[in-house]
Amino acid sequence: MRHSPSSRAARRRLKRREATAGILFILPTLVIFAVFKFFPIAGAGAMSLTRYRLNGDITWLGAENYTRLFSDPHFWKSLGVTVSYVLIFVPLIIVVSLAGALLLNKLVRFTGTFRAVLFVPYLSSFVMAGIIWSWIFDMDGPLNAALGGLGLGPVPFLSGNQLLVLAGLALVSVWKGFGYSMLVFLAGLKAQPAEVHEAARLDGASSWQAFRHVTLPLLKPVMFFVLVIETIIGFQVFDTIYVMTGGGPGRASHSLIYFLYDEGFKFLDFGYAAAIGIVLFVIVLVLSLVQRRLVEGKETK
């Protein structure tokens, strides 16, 4: 059945109006992203190619800041610290968040109350959390007092070896931030069709088998989202380190963001600090793309 030229023109006008309406709806978001995301990234990229001073003196350096950065042992040390922290923090917060979501999903009564209680740490400030946990981890703090009562002696949580310090910092960040990912996982669990779980039970699947072969596969998109978000948060760790260790002891917790802070706000080398930020941006972007490819590859198998 052929359509008349007038009807085809009417459909084209309708599509144009729909496209215009869609653009108008997303325009505010695009403007916000451009002002607060894209332009700052472009500005940081341009600044990283210069020697930028507070008095407005700008000297073009080209790739000199990047050449200096990749030959700087402090950069590689900070990168190693950040990667080590992320490898501790990300698996831990995913496990804790998923466990909390599974617990809330099983509850029948007082779900809202428990959800609010578990979400409270997320609403607190990193500074307050750092101060409280610094007291808890102190050599004379309550945790070491309890360990001393068990005959385990005081443990230098924030002044010992690097692994112990990073584990302590990761624990604080998990306590502070798991509430958000927990709610994301809980939303994913609530969205799963009950018929699939009922079929698994009728087939005789145990709780572990149902979780492994039904719940987890259905949570893959949510897991990818949480993995990317928490990886980005892990690479951007600063507040907890600033409050609790100041990058020490002996640069044991001197992360990339702390390195950027030192170069930019202590030594006022803004071009070099911008180069650190751009490299960190590229690292996080590449990791996010790799994680996405791995998740999509597993889904297609």
C-alpha atoms as a PDB file:
ATOM      1  CA  MET A   1       0.000   0.000   0.000  1.00  0.00           C
ATOM      2  CA  ARG A   2       1.475   3.281  -1.131  1.00  0.00           C
ATOM      3  CA  HIS A   3       1.313   6.425   0.946  1.00  0.00           C
ATOM      4  CA  SER A   4       0.539   9.747  -0.602  1.00  0.00           C
ATOM      5  CA  PRO A   5       3.246  12.447  -0.689  1.00  0.00           C
ATOM      6  CA  SER A   6       1.258  14.494   1.826  1.00  0.00           C
ATOM      7  CA  SER A   7       1.188  11.614   4.357  1.00  0.00           C
ATOM      8  CA  ARG A   8       4.938  11.034   3.951  1.00  0.00           C
ATOM      9  CA  ALA A   9       5.585  14.736   4.494  1.00  0.00           C
ATOM     10  CA  ALA A  10       3.385  14.664   7.599  1.00  0.00           C
ATOM     11  CA  ARG A  11       5.360  11.719   9.021  1.00  0.00           C
ATOM     12  CA  ARG A  12       8.633  13.549   8.356  1.00  0.00           C
ATOM     13  CA  ARG A  13       7.317  16.628  10.154  1.00  0.00           C
ATOM     14  CA  LEU A  14       6.207  14.467  13.081  1.00  0.00           C
ATOM     15  CA  LYS A  15       9.642  12.831  13.318  1.00  0.00           C
ATOM     16  CA  ARG A  16      11.328  16.240  13.210  1.00  0.00           C
ATOM     17  CA  ARG A  17       9.073  17.501  16.004  1.00  0.00           C
ATOM     18  CA  GLU A  18       9.800  14.402  18.092  1.00  0.00           C
ATOM     19  CA  ALA A  19      13.539  14.803  17.505  1.00  0.00           C
ATOM     20  CA  THR A  20      13.363  18.490  18.430  1.00  0.00           C
ATOM     21  CA  ALA A  21      11.401  17.697  21.591  1.00  0.00           C
ATOM     22  CA  GLY A  22      13.932  15.015  22.556  1.00  0.00           C
ATOM     23  CA  ILE A  23      16.851  17.402  22.060  1.00  0.00           C
ATOM     24  CA  LEU A  24      15.113  20.068  24.163  1.00  0.00           C
ATOM     25  CA  PHE A  25      14.529  17.561  26.960  1.00  0.00           C
ATOM     26  CA  ILE A  26      18.192  16.499  27.141  1.00  0.00           C
ATOM     27  CA  LEU A  27      19.618  19.960  26.445  1.00  0.00           C
ATOM     28  CA  PRO A  28      19.805  21.030  30.135  1.00  0.00           C
ATOM     29  CA  THR A  29      21.722  17.864  30.988  1.00  0.00           C
ATOM     30  CA  LEU A  30      24.068  18.368  28.040  1.00  0.00           C
ATOM     31  CA  VAL A  31      24.727  21.961  29.128  1.00  0.00           C
ATOM     32  CA  ILE A  32      25.470  20.862  32.694  1.00  0.00           C
ATOM     33  CA  PHE A  33      27.840  18.147  31.460  1.00  0.00           C
ATOM     34  CA  ALA A  34      29.553  20.581  29.129  1.00  0.00           C
ATOM     35  CA  VAL A  35      30.029  23.244  31.809  1.00  0.00           C
ATOM     36  CA  PHE A  36      31.042  20.992  34.690  1.00  0.00           C
ATOM     37  CA  LYS A  37      32.629  18.007  32.896  1.00  0.00           C
ATOM     38  CA  PHE A  38      33.785  18.512  29.318  1.00  0.00           C
ATOM     39  CA  PHE A  39      35.092  22.072  29.554  1.00  0.00           C
ATOM     40  CA  PRO A  40      37.074  21.413  32.771  1.00  0.00           C
ATOM     41  CA  ILE A  41      38.622  18.294  31.228  1.00  0.00           C
ATOM     42  CA  ALA A  42      39.563  20.237  28.108  1.00  0.00           C
ATOM     43  CA  GLY A  43      40.920  23.059  30.260  1.00  0.00           C
ATOM     44  CA  ALA A  44      42.975  20.656  32.348  1.00  0.00           C
ATOM     45  CA  GLY A  45      44.335  19.080  29.166  1.00  0.00           C
ATOM     46  CA  ALA A  46      45.419  22.484  27.873  1.00  0.00           C
ATOM     47  CA  MET A  47      46.887  23.458  31.252  1.00  0.00           C
ATOM     48  CA  SER A  48      48.894  20.219  31.382  1.00  0.00           C
ATOM     49  CA  LEU A  49      50.861  21.433  28.365  1.00  0.00           C
ATOM     50  CA  THR A  50      51.972  24.619  30.109  1.00  0.00           C
ATOM     51  CA  ARG A  51      53.762  25.994  33.152  1.00  0.00           C
ATOM     52  CA  TYR A  52      50.872  27.789  34.829  1.00  0.00           C
ATOM     53  CA  ARG A  53      51.439  30.293  37.632  1.00  0.00           C
ATOM     54  CA  LEU A  54      48.963  32.009  39.935  1.00  0.00           C
ATOM     55  CA  ASN A  55      50.008  35.427  38.663  1.00  0.00           C
ATOM     56  CA  GLY A  56      48.733  34.487  35.206  1.00  0.00           C
ATOM     57  CA  ASP A  57      52.167  33.736  33.753  1.00  0.00           C
ATOM     58  CA  ILE A  58      51.725  30.869  31.283  1.00  0.00           C
ATOM     59  CA  THR A  59      54.644  29.213  29.493  1.00  0.00           C
ATOM     60  CA  TRP A  60      54.043  26.652  26.754  1.00  0.00           C
ATOM     61  CA  LEU A  61      55.876  23.382  27.495  1.00  0.00           C
ATOM     62  CA  GLY A  62      54.256  20.906  25.134  1.00  0.00           C
ATOM     63  CA  ALA A  63      54.694  17.343  26.394  1.00  0.00           C
ATOM     64  CA  GLU A  64      57.398  18.286  28.894  1.00  0.00           C
ATOM     65  CA  ASN A  65      55.131  17.805  31.928  1.00  0.00           C
ATOM     66  CA  TYR A  66      54.238  14.282  30.753  1.00  0.00           C
ATOM     67  CA  THR A  67      57.886  13.419  30.082  1.00  0.00           C
ATOM     68  CA  ARG A  68      58.748  14.615  33.559  1.00  0.00           C
ATOM     69  CA  LEU A  69      55.801  12.716  35.048  1.00  0.00           C
ATOM     70  CA  PHE A  70      56.666   9.339  33.527  1.00  0.00           C
ATOM     71  CA  SER A  71      60.264   9.678  34.740  1.00  0.00           C
ATOM     72  CA  ASP A  72      59.204  10.741  38.238  1.00  0.00           C
ATOM     73  CA  PRO A  73      59.637   7.892  40.772  1.00  0.00           C
ATOM     74  CA  HIS A  74      57.069   9.537  43.043  1.00  0.00           C
ATOM     75  CA  PHE A  75      54.440   9.155  40.315  1.00  0.00           C
ATOM     76  CA  TRP A  76      55.084   5.424  39.955  1.00  0.00           C
ATOM     77  CA  LYS A  77      55.093   5.028  43.727  1.00  0.00           C
ATOM     78  CA  SER A  78      51.749   6.841  44.003  1.00  0.00           C
ATOM     79  CA  LEU A  79      50.316   4.804  41.121  1.00  0.00           C
ATOM     80  CA  GLY A  80      51.362   1.582  42.860  1.00  0.00           C
ATOM     81  CA  VAL A  81      49.774   2.760  46.110  1.00  0.00           C
ATOM     82  CA  THR A  82      46.531   3.641  44.298  1.00  0.00           C
ATOM     83  CA  VAL A  83      46.341   0.334  42.436  1.00  0.00           C
ATOM     84  CA  SER A  84      47.020  -1.601  45.657  1.00  0.00           C
ATOM     85  CA  TYR A  85      44.297   0.352  47.437  1.00  0.00           C
ATOM     86  CA  VAL A  86      41.799  -0.250  44.616  1.00  0.00           C
ATOM     87  CA  LEU A  87      42.549  -4.005  44.617  1.00  0.00           C
ATOM     88  CA  ILE A  88      41.664  -4.091  48.314  1.00  0.00           C
ATOM     89  CA  PHE A  89      38.792  -1.614  48.308  1.00  0.00           C
ATOM     90  CA  VAL A  90      36.748  -2.653  45.249  1.00  0.00           C
ATOM     91  CA  PRO A  91      36.303  -6.397  45.971  1.00  0.00           C
ATOM     92  CA  LEU A  92      35.640  -5.640  49.649  1.00  0.00           C
ATOM     93  CA  ILE A  93      32.939  -3.040  49.032  1.00  0.00           C
ATOM     94  CA  ILE A  94      31.251  -5.204  46.383  1.00  0.00           C
ATOM     95  CA  VAL A  95      31.092  -8.167  48.769  1.00  0.00           C
ATOM     96  CA  VAL A  96      29.818  -6.061  51.687  1.00  0.00           C
ATOM     97  CA  SER A  97      27.287  -4.190  49.525  1.00  0.00           C
ATOM     98  CA  LEU A  98      25.970  -7.375  47.941  1.00  0.00           C
ATOM     99  CA  ALA A  99      25.745  -9.108  51.323  1.00  0.00           C
ATOM    100  CA  GLY A 100      23.791  -6.168  52.733  1.00  0.00           C
ATOM    101  CA  ALA A 101      21.450  -6.166  49.745  1.00  0.00           C
ATOM    102  CA  LEU A 102      20.828  -9.914  50.033  1.00  0.00           C
ATOM    103  CA  LEU A 103      20.073  -9.502  53.736  1.00  0.00           C
ATOM    104  CA  LEU A 104      17.603  -6.676  53.128  1.00  0.00           C
ATOM    105  CA  ASN A 105      16.000  -8.622  50.279  1.00  0.00           C
ATOM    106  CA  LYS A 106      15.291 -11.525  52.629  1.00  0.00           C
ATOM    107  CA  LEU A 107      13.784  -9.382  55.361  1.00  0.00           C
ATOM    108  CA  VAL A 108      10.021  -9.242  55.586  1.00  0.00           C
ATOM    109  CA  ARG A 109       9.573  -6.774  58.450  1.00  0.00           C
ATOM    110  CA  PHE A 110      11.339  -3.496  59.289  1.00  0.00           C
ATOM    111  CA  THR A 111      13.021  -3.415  55.883  1.00  0.00           C
ATOM    112  CA  GLY A 112      12.854   0.371  55.705  1.00  0.00           C
ATOM    113  CA  THR A 113      14.373   0.752  59.168  1.00  0.00           C
ATOM    114  CA  PHE A 114      17.325  -1.521  58.445  1.00  0.00           C
ATOM    115  CA  ARG A 115      17.828   0.116  55.057  1.00  0.00           C
ATOM    116  CA  ALA A 116      18.003   3.539  56.695  1.00  0.00           C
ATOM    117  CA  VAL A 117      20.387   2.352  59.412  1.00  0.00           C
ATOM    118  CA  LEU A 118      22.772   0.765  56.904  1.00  0.00           C
ATOM    119  CA  PHE A 119      22.641   3.850  54.692  1.00  0.00           C
ATOM    120  CA  VAL A 120      23.476   6.321  57.483  1.00  0.00           C
ATOM    121  CA  PRO A 121      27.301   6.031  57.130  1.00  0.00           C
ATOM    122  CA  TYR A 122      27.016   7.058  53.472  1.00  0.00           C
ATOM    123  CA  LEU A 123      25.418  10.338  54.546  1.00  0.00           C
ATOM    124  CA  SER A 124      28.234  11.181  56.967  1.00  0.00           C
ATOM    125  CA  SER A 125      31.254  13.201  55.868  1.00  0.00           C
ATOM    126  CA  PHE A 126      34.609  11.609  55.065  1.00  0.00           C
ATOM    127  CA  VAL A 127      36.257  14.001  57.508  1.00  0.00           C
ATOM    128  CA  MET A 128      34.055  12.907  60.384  1.00  0.00           C
ATOM    129  CA  ALA A 129      34.461   9.235  59.450  1.00  0.00           C
ATOM    130  CA  GLY A 130      38.241   9.673  59.237  1.00  0.00           C
ATOM    131  CA  ILE A 131      38.440  11.312  62.671  1.00  0.00           C
ATOM    132  CA  ILE A 132      36.303   8.620  64.300  1.00  0.00           C
ATOM    133  CA  TRP A 133      38.204   5.751  62.706  1.00  0.00           C
ATOM    134  CA  SER A 134      41.569   7.357  63.471  1.00  0.00           C
ATOM    135  CA  TRP A 135      40.575   7.176  67.130  1.00  0.00           C
ATOM    136  CA  ILE A 136      39.379   3.575  66.741  1.00  0.00           C
ATOM    137  CA  PHE A 137      42.633   2.523  64.989  1.00  0.00           C
ATOM    138  CA  ASP A 138      44.888   4.470  67.374  1.00  0.00           C
ATOM    139  CA  MET A 139      47.489   2.506  69.304  1.00  0.00           C
ATOM    140  CA  ASP A 140      45.581   3.438  72.484  1.00  0.00           C
ATOM    141  CA  GLY A 141      42.174   3.235  70.813  1.00  0.00           C
ATOM    142  CA  PRO A 142      39.313   0.851  71.581  1.00  0.00           C
ATOM    143  CA  LEU A 143      40.204  -1.649  68.851  1.00  0.00           C
ATOM    144  CA  ASN A 144      43.743  -2.152  70.125  1.00  0.00           C
ATOM    145  CA  ALA A 145      42.409  -2.246  73.689  1.00  0.00           C
ATOM    146  CA  ALA A 146      40.120  -5.125  72.672  1.00  0.00           C
ATOM    147  CA  LEU A 147      42.977  -6.893  70.863  1.00  0.00           C
ATOM    148  CA  GLY A 148      45.177  -6.400  73.908  1.00  0.00           C
ATOM    149  CA  GLY A 149      42.531  -8.057  76.056  1.00  0.00           C
ATOM    150  CA  LEU A 150      42.745 -11.062  73.739  1.00  0.00           C
ATOM    151  CA  GLY A 151      46.532 -11.139  74.077  1.00  0.00           C
ATOM    152  CA  LEU A 152      47.124 -10.068  70.464  1.00  0.00           C
ATOM    153  CA  GLY A 153      48.923  -6.862  71.412  1.00  0.00           C
ATOM    154  CA  PRO A 154      48.567  -3.430  69.800  1.00  0.00           C
ATOM    155  CA  VAL A 155      48.515  -3.370  66.006  1.00  0.00           C
ATOM    156  CA  PRO A 156      49.849  -0.271  64.159  1.00  0.00           C
ATOM    157  CA  PHE A 157      46.917  -0.004  61.773  1.00  0.00           C
ATOM    158  CA  LEU A 158      47.877   3.456  60.503  1.00  0.00           C
ATOM    159  CA  SER A 159      51.621   3.427  61.115  1.00  0.00           C
ATOM    160  CA  GLY A 160      52.660  -0.088  60.144  1.00  0.00           C
ATOM    161  CA  ASN A 161      53.497  -1.619  56.784  1.00  0.00           C
ATOM    162  CA  GLN A 162      51.871  -0.407  53.594  1.00  0.00           C
ATOM    163  CA  LEU A 163      49.456  -3.312  53.182  1.00  0.00           C
ATOM    164  CA  LEU A 164      48.122  -2.866  56.725  1.00  0.00           C
ATOM    165  CA  VAL A 165      47.701   0.883  56.285  1.00  0.00           C
ATOM    166  CA  LEU A 166      45.911   0.557  52.925  1.00  0.00           C
ATOM    167  CA  ALA A 167      43.670  -2.199  54.306  1.00  0.00           C
ATOM    168  CA  GLY A 168      42.698   0.044  57.220  1.00  0.00           C
ATOM    169  CA  LEU A 169      41.926   2.953  54.883  1.00  0.00           C
ATOM    170  CA  ALA A 170      39.939   0.679  52.557  1.00  0.00           C
ATOM    171  CA  LEU A 171      37.913  -0.604  55.519  1.00  0.00           C
ATOM    172  CA  VAL A 172      36.977   2.939  56.486  1.00  0.00           C
ATOM    173  CA  SER A 173      35.984   3.786  52.897  1.00  0.00           C
ATOM    174  CA  VAL A 174      33.885   0.617  52.680  1.00  0.00           C
ATOM    175  CA  TRP A 175      32.102   1.447  55.936  1.00  0.00           C
ATOM    176  CA  LYS A 176      31.490   4.972  54.682  1.00  0.00           C
ATOM    177  CA  GLY A 177      30.385   4.170  51.130  1.00  0.00           C
ATOM    178  CA  PHE A 178      28.809   0.715  50.929  1.00  0.00           C
ATOM    179  CA  GLY A 179      25.276   2.038  51.486  1.00  0.00           C
ATOM    180  CA  TYR A 180      24.961   3.440  47.966  1.00  0.00           C
ATOM    181  CA  SER A 181      26.070   0.265  46.182  1.00  0.00           C
ATOM    182  CA  MET A 182      23.939  -1.780  48.562  1.00  0.00           C
ATOM    183  CA  LEU A 183      20.813   0.078  47.430  1.00  0.00           C
ATOM    184  CA  VAL A 184      21.818  -0.370  43.782  1.00  0.00           C
ATOM    185  CA  PHE A 185      22.212  -4.125  44.319  1.00  0.00           C
ATOM    186  CA  LEU A 186      18.912  -4.208  46.221  1.00  0.00           C
ATOM    187  CA  ALA A 187      17.131  -2.540  43.313  1.00  0.00           C
ATOM    188  CA  GLY A 188      18.645  -5.147  40.988  1.00  0.00           C
ATOM    189  CA  LEU A 189      17.466  -7.976  43.245  1.00  0.00           C
ATOM    190  CA  LYS A 190      13.938  -6.552  43.466  1.00  0.00           C
ATOM    191  CA  ALA A 191      13.786  -6.324  39.668  1.00  0.00           C
ATOM    192  CA  GLN A 192      14.544 -10.019  39.150  1.00  0.00           C
ATOM    193  CA  PRO A 193      11.513 -12.081  38.081  1.00  0.00           C
ATOM    194  CA  ALA A 194      10.210 -14.276  40.905  1.00  0.00           C
ATOM    195  CA  GLU A 195       9.276 -17.011  38.405  1.00  0.00           C
ATOM    196  CA  VAL A 196      12.936 -17.754  37.649  1.00  0.00           C
ATOM    197  CA  HIS A 197      13.796 -18.250  41.312  1.00  0.00           C
ATOM    198  CA  GLU A 198      10.668 -20.339  41.832  1.00  0.00           C
ATOM    199  CA  ALA A 199      11.682 -22.566  38.906  1.00  0.00           C
ATOM    200  CA  ALA A 200      15.146 -23.020  40.420  1.00  0.00           C
ATOM    201  CA  ARG A 201      13.617 -24.097  43.739  1.00  0.00           C
ATOM    202  CA  LEU A 202      11.268 -26.540  41.987  1.00  0.00           C
ATOM    203  CA  ASP A 203      14.265 -28.031  40.160  1.00  0.00           C
ATOM    204  CA  GLY A 204      15.868 -28.757  43.530  1.00  0.00           C
ATOM    205  CA  ALA A 205      18.571 -26.080  43.439  1.00  0.00           C
ATOM    206  CA  SER A 206      20.142 -25.265  46.788  1.00  0.00           C
ATOM    207  CA  SER A 207      20.398 -21.681  48.041  1.00  0.00           C
ATOM    208  CA  TRP A 208      24.021 -21.463  46.891  1.00  0.00           C
ATOM    209  CA  GLN A 209      23.236 -22.962  43.470  1.00  0.00           C
ATOM    210  CA  ALA A 210      20.315 -20.565  42.984  1.00  0.00           C
ATOM    211  CA  PHE A 211      22.518 -17.630  43.988  1.00  0.00           C
ATOM    212  CA  ARG A 212      25.385 -18.680  41.718  1.00  0.00           C
ATOM    213  CA  HIS A 213      23.430 -19.732  38.636  1.00  0.00           C
ATOM    214  CA  VAL A 214      20.349 -17.485  38.830  1.00  0.00           C
ATOM    215  CA  THR A 215      20.841 -14.431  41.048  1.00  0.00           C
ATOM    216  CA  LEU A 216      24.397 -13.515  40.038  1.00  0.00           C
ATOM    217  CA  PRO A 217      23.890 -13.845  36.245  1.00  0.00           C
ATOM    218  CA  LEU A 218      20.799 -11.639  36.446  1.00  0.00           C
ATOM    219  CA  LEU A 219      22.819  -9.085  38.433  1.00  0.00           C
ATOM    220  CA  LYS A 220      25.544  -8.720  35.791  1.00  0.00           C
ATOM    221  CA  PRO A 221      24.436  -5.287  34.497  1.00  0.00           C
ATOM    222  CA  VAL A 222      24.145  -3.996  38.065  1.00  0.00           C
ATOM    223  CA  MET A 223      27.481  -5.584  38.966  1.00  0.00           C
ATOM    224  CA  PHE A 224      29.143  -3.829  36.050  1.00  0.00           C
ATOM    225  CA  PHE A 225      27.707  -0.470  37.103  1.00  0.00           C
ATOM    226  CA  VAL A 226      28.858  -0.911  40.708  1.00  0.00           C
ATOM    227  CA  LEU A 227      32.269  -2.174  39.601  1.00  0.00           C
ATOM    228  CA  VAL A 228      32.885   0.871  37.407  1.00  0.00           C
ATOM    229  CA  ILE A 229      31.595   3.372  39.976  1.00  0.00           C
ATOM    230  CA  GLU A 230      33.582   1.899  42.865  1.00  0.00           C
ATOM    231  CA  THR A 231      36.734   1.619  40.744  1.00  0.00           C
ATOM    232  CA  ILE A 232      36.480   5.311  39.915  1.00  0.00           C
ATOM    233  CA  ILE A 233      35.890   6.131  43.589  1.00  0.00           C
ATOM    234  CA  GLY A 234      38.877   3.981  44.556  1.00  0.00           C
ATOM    235  CA  PHE A 235      41.201   5.775  42.162  1.00  0.00           C
ATOM    236  CA  GLN A 236      39.970   9.131  43.477  1.00  0.00           C
ATOM    237  CA  VAL A 237      40.566   8.388  47.158  1.00  0.00           C
ATOM    238  CA  PHE A 238      41.783  11.479  48.996  1.00  0.00           C
ATOM    239  CA  ASP A 239      39.650  12.594  51.952  1.00  0.00           C
ATOM    240  CA  THR A 240      40.235   9.513  54.077  1.00  0.00           C
ATOM    241  CA  ILE A 241      43.975   9.587  53.427  1.00  0.00           C
ATOM    242  CA  TYR A 242      44.194  13.326  54.083  1.00  0.00           C
ATOM    243  CA  VAL A 243      42.458  13.039  57.458  1.00  0.00           C
ATOM    244  CA  MET A 244      43.870   9.733  58.699  1.00  0.00           C
ATOM    245  CA  THR A 245      47.450   9.392  57.428  1.00  0.00           C
ATOM    246  CA  GLY A 246      48.423  12.491  55.445  1.00  0.00           C
ATOM    247  CA  GLY A 247      49.940  10.224  52.805  1.00  0.00           C
ATOM    248  CA  GLY A 248      52.199   8.462  55.281  1.00  0.00           C
ATOM    249  CA  PRO A 249      53.860   6.729  56.853  1.00  0.00           C
ATOM    250  CA  GLY A 250      56.749   7.216  54.424  1.00  0.00           C
ATOM    251  CA  ARG A 251      54.405   7.724  51.419  1.00  0.00           C
ATOM    252  CA  ALA A 252      52.795   4.353  52.154  1.00  0.00           C
ATOM    253  CA  SER A 253      49.363   5.860  51.459  1.00  0.00           C
ATOM    254  CA  HIS A 254      50.418   8.620  49.052  1.00  0.00           C
ATOM    255  CA  SER A 255      47.804   8.060  46.338  1.00  0.00           C
ATOM    256  CA  LEU A 256      47.678   9.676  42.894  1.00  0.00           C
ATOM    257  CA  ILE A 257      45.108  12.246  44.003  1.00  0.00           C
ATOM    258  CA  TYR A 258      47.253  13.076  47.036  1.00  0.00           C
ATOM    259  CA  PHE A 259      50.237  13.426  44.701  1.00  0.00           C
ATOM    260  CA  LEU A 260      48.164  15.778  42.526  1.00  0.00           C
ATOM    261  CA  TYR A 261      47.156  17.755  45.630  1.00  0.00           C
ATOM    262  CA  ASP A 262      50.769  18.149  46.729  1.00  0.00           C
ATOM    263  CA  GLU A 263      51.973  19.306  43.327  1.00  0.00           C
ATOM    264  CA  GLY A 264      49.063  21.664  42.739  1.00  0.00           C
ATOM    265  CA  PHE A 265      48.325  23.159  46.139  1.00  0.00           C
ATOM    266  CA  LYS A 266      51.594  22.777  48.039  1.00  0.00           C
ATOM    267  CA  PHE A 267      54.142  23.410  45.294  1.00  0.00           C
ATOM    268  CA  LEU A 268      51.738  25.435  43.088  1.00  0.00           C
ATOM    269  CA  ASP A 269      52.859  23.563  39.966  1.00  0.00           C
ATOM    270  CA  PHE A 270      49.435  23.597  38.332  1.00  0.00           C
ATOM    271  CA  GLY A 271      50.559  22.426  34.895  1.00  0.00           C
ATOM    272  CA  TYR A 272      52.243  19.360  36.373  1.00  0.00           C
ATOM    273  CA  ALA A 273      49.218  18.697  38.600  1.00  0.00           C
ATOM    274  CA  ALA A 274      46.945  18.936  35.553  1.00  0.00           C
ATOM    275  CA  ALA A 275      49.123  16.363  33.758  1.00  0.00           C
ATOM    276  CA  ILE A 276      48.663  14.007  36.724  1.00  0.00           C
ATOM    277  CA  GLY A 277      44.902  14.526  36.517  1.00  0.00           C
ATOM    278  CA  ILE A 278      44.797  13.809  32.790  1.00  0.00           C
ATOM    279  CA  VAL A 279      46.822  10.611  33.200  1.00  0.00           C
ATOM    280  CA  LEU A 280      44.494   9.516  35.995  1.00  0.00           C
ATOM    281  CA  PHE A 281      41.483  10.275  33.780  1.00  0.00           C
ATOM    282  CA  VAL A 282      42.924   8.133  30.978  1.00  0.00           C
ATOM    283  CA  ILE A 283      43.711   5.263  33.375  1.00  0.00           C
ATOM    284  CA  VAL A 284      40.164   5.235  34.766  1.00  0.00           C
ATOM    285  CA  LEU A 285      38.650   5.500  31.272  1.00  0.00           C
ATOM    286  CA  VAL A 286      40.708   2.579  29.954  1.00  0.00           C
ATOM    287  CA  LEU A 287      39.875   0.443  32.996  1.00  0.00           C
ATOM    288  CA  SER A 288      36.166   1.191  32.587  1.00  0.00           C
ATOM    289  CA  LEU A 289      36.265   0.160  28.928  1.00  0.00           C
ATOM    290  CA  VAL A 290      38.176  -3.030  29.771  1.00  0.00           C
ATOM    291  CA  GLN A 291      35.689  -3.903  32.520  1.00  0.00           C
ATOM    292  CA  ARG A 292      32.817  -3.338  30.113  1.00  0.00           C
ATOM    293  CA  ARG A 293      34.422  -5.528  27.474  1.00  0.00           C
ATOM    294  CA  LEU A 294      35.021  -8.323  30.001  1.00  0.00           C
ATOM    295  CA  VAL A 295      31.431  -8.208  31.249  1.00  0.00           C
ATOM    296  CA  GLU A 296      29.993  -8.161  27.718  1.00  0.00           C
ATOM    297  CA  GLY A 297      32.324 -10.994  26.696  1.00  0.00           C
ATOM    298  CA  LYS A 298      31.076 -13.164  29.540  1.00  0.00           C
ATOM    299  CA  GLU A 299      27.444 -12.384  28.690  1.00  0.00           C
ATOM    300  CA  THR A 300      27.885 -13.477  25.066  1.00  0.00           C
ATOM    301  CA  LYS A 301      29.415 -16.822  25.981  1.00  0.00           C
END
